[in-house]
Protein backbone atom coordinates (compact mmCIF):
# COMPACT_ATOMS: atom_id res chain seq x y z
CA UNK A 1 100.88 58.23 13.70
CA UNK A 2 101.82 61.86 13.11
CA UNK A 3 104.25 64.39 14.30
CA UNK A 4 104.00 68.08 13.74
CA UNK A 5 105.97 71.11 15.30
CA UNK A 6 105.45 74.65 14.31
CA UNK A 7 108.45 76.65 15.58
CA UNK A 8 106.16 79.70 15.81
CA UNK A 9 104.11 77.77 18.40
CA UNK A 10 100.92 78.73 16.58
CA UNK A 11 98.92 75.62 17.77
CA UNK A 12 98.54 73.90 21.19
CA UNK A 13 100.34 70.78 20.04
CA UNK A 14 103.46 72.72 19.04
CA UNK A 15 103.25 74.76 22.40
CA UNK A 16 103.28 71.60 24.43
CA UNK A 17 105.99 70.04 22.34
CA UNK A 18 108.04 73.15 23.05
CA UNK A 19 107.51 73.00 26.86
CA UNK A 20 108.50 69.30 26.94
CA UNK A 21 111.30 69.41 24.49
CA UNK A 22 109.72 66.67 22.29
CA UNK A 23 110.18 68.62 18.95
CA UNK A 24 112.37 66.30 16.91
CA UNK A 25 110.66 64.40 14.24
CA UNK A 26 113.30 61.70 14.31
CA UNK A 27 112.85 60.68 17.94
CA UNK A 28 109.68 61.97 19.52
CA UNK A 29 107.94 60.21 22.39
CA UNK A 30 104.41 61.47 21.89
CA UNK A 31 102.08 61.49 18.79
CA UNK A 32 100.03 64.49 17.94
CA UNK A 33 96.72 62.82 18.72
CA UNK A 34 97.93 61.99 22.25
CA UNK A 35 98.98 65.57 22.96
CA UNK A 36 95.78 66.90 21.47
CA UNK A 37 93.88 64.54 23.75
CA UNK A 38 95.61 65.97 26.74
CA UNK A 39 95.01 69.57 25.58
CA UNK A 40 91.30 68.99 24.96
CA UNK A 41 90.76 67.21 28.29
CA UNK A 42 92.38 69.82 30.45
CA UNK A 43 94.27 72.64 28.80
CA UNK A 44 97.85 73.28 27.74
CA UNK A 45 99.41 73.49 31.23
CA UNK A 46 97.96 70.15 32.37
CA UNK A 47 98.83 68.66 28.98
CA UNK A 48 102.35 69.55 29.56
CA UNK A 49 102.42 67.84 32.87
CA UNK A 50 100.59 64.71 31.57
CA UNK A 51 102.98 64.58 28.61
CA UNK A 52 106.05 64.70 30.90
CA UNK A 53 104.55 61.95 33.11
CA UNK A 54 103.99 59.79 30.06
CA UNK A 55 107.59 60.30 29.00
CA UNK A 56 108.81 59.26 32.46
CA UNK A 57 106.73 56.03 32.21
CA UNK A 58 108.43 55.33 28.91
CA UNK A 59 111.87 55.96 30.40
CA UNK A 60 111.14 53.64 33.44
CA UNK A 61 111.82 50.50 31.65
CA UNK A 62 114.71 48.56 33.00
CA UNK A 63 118.27 49.32 31.71
CA UNK A 64 119.50 46.86 29.09
CA UNK A 65 122.99 45.49 28.45
CA UNK A 66 124.06 42.93 25.90
CA UNK A 67 127.75 42.56 24.93
CA UNK A 68 128.81 45.93 23.72
CA UNK A 69 125.35 47.55 23.64
CA UNK A 70 124.14 49.37 26.70
CA UNK A 71 120.92 51.25 27.08
CA UNK A 72 120.26 53.28 30.27
CA UNK A 73 117.17 55.23 30.73
CA UNK A 74 117.97 56.50 34.29
CA UNK A 75 119.71 59.81 33.48
CA UNK A 76 117.07 60.72 30.91
CA UNK A 77 114.34 59.84 33.45
CA UNK A 78 116.01 61.94 36.12
CA UNK A 79 116.13 64.97 33.68
CA UNK A 80 112.35 64.56 32.97
CA UNK A 81 111.53 64.22 36.62
CA UNK A 82 113.35 67.56 37.19
CA UNK A 83 111.48 69.14 34.19
CA UNK A 84 108.19 67.83 35.71
CA UNK A 85 108.79 69.68 38.93
CA UNK A 86 109.80 72.86 37.15
CA UNK A 87 106.80 72.79 34.76
CA UNK A 88 104.35 71.97 37.64
CA UNK A 89 105.56 74.95 39.53
CA UNK A 90 105.49 77.13 36.31
CA UNK A 91 101.90 76.26 35.64
CA UNK A 92 100.86 76.12 39.32
CA UNK A 93 99.63 72.38 39.12
CA UNK A 94 100.14 69.92 41.98
CA UNK A 95 101.62 66.63 40.87
CA UNK A 96 102.01 65.00 44.22
CA UNK A 97 99.61 62.40 45.30
CA UNK A 98 100.14 63.24 48.96
CA UNK A 99 97.03 63.26 51.12
CA UNK A 100 96.81 64.12 54.77
CA UNK A 101 94.95 61.97 57.27
CA UNK A 102 94.39 62.24 60.98
CA UNK A 103 93.04 60.05 63.63
CA UNK A 104 92.10 60.47 67.20
CA UNK A 105 93.38 58.15 69.83
CA UNK A 106 92.55 58.21 73.61
CA UNK A 107 95.37 58.79 75.96
CA UNK A 108 94.02 55.82 77.96
CA UNK A 109 92.63 52.32 77.30
CA UNK A 110 88.99 52.36 76.27
CA UNK A 111 88.17 49.42 78.56
CA UNK A 112 89.32 51.36 81.62
CA UNK A 113 87.03 53.44 83.79
CA UNK A 114 89.10 56.57 83.16
CA UNK A 115 86.86 59.26 81.64
CA UNK A 116 87.91 62.45 83.40
CA UNK A 117 91.48 62.47 82.39
CA UNK A 118 92.80 62.02 85.91
CA UNK A 119 94.87 59.20 87.12
CA UNK A 120 92.83 58.20 90.09
CA UNK A 121 90.44 55.86 88.18
CA UNK A 122 87.31 57.53 89.27
CA UNK A 123 84.63 58.12 86.67
């Protein structure tokens, strides 16, 4: 478990930490090894996106309240979701899992004799 941050941004791990704002040794979300894995797998831009997505998963735990103690992850998660959109646009990386599909449907019942598109019923 290690944490490093070089303010000169001389290495990829520090550069990713700079982009995601995870540069405090007292309360960081990601270890150096995790960030380095993301960088090695797909480069700095995608590592930034993957790191933000990881932080969002950590902040997606339910809120907690016990007597006087209250922990709410909702506002922090919203901030990281906004950051994710901004960084995805900055690096030109799509983060949506939207896929387009299409289907063809006949404008008539397939068990009818209608094949010409006319309404008289002749084949």
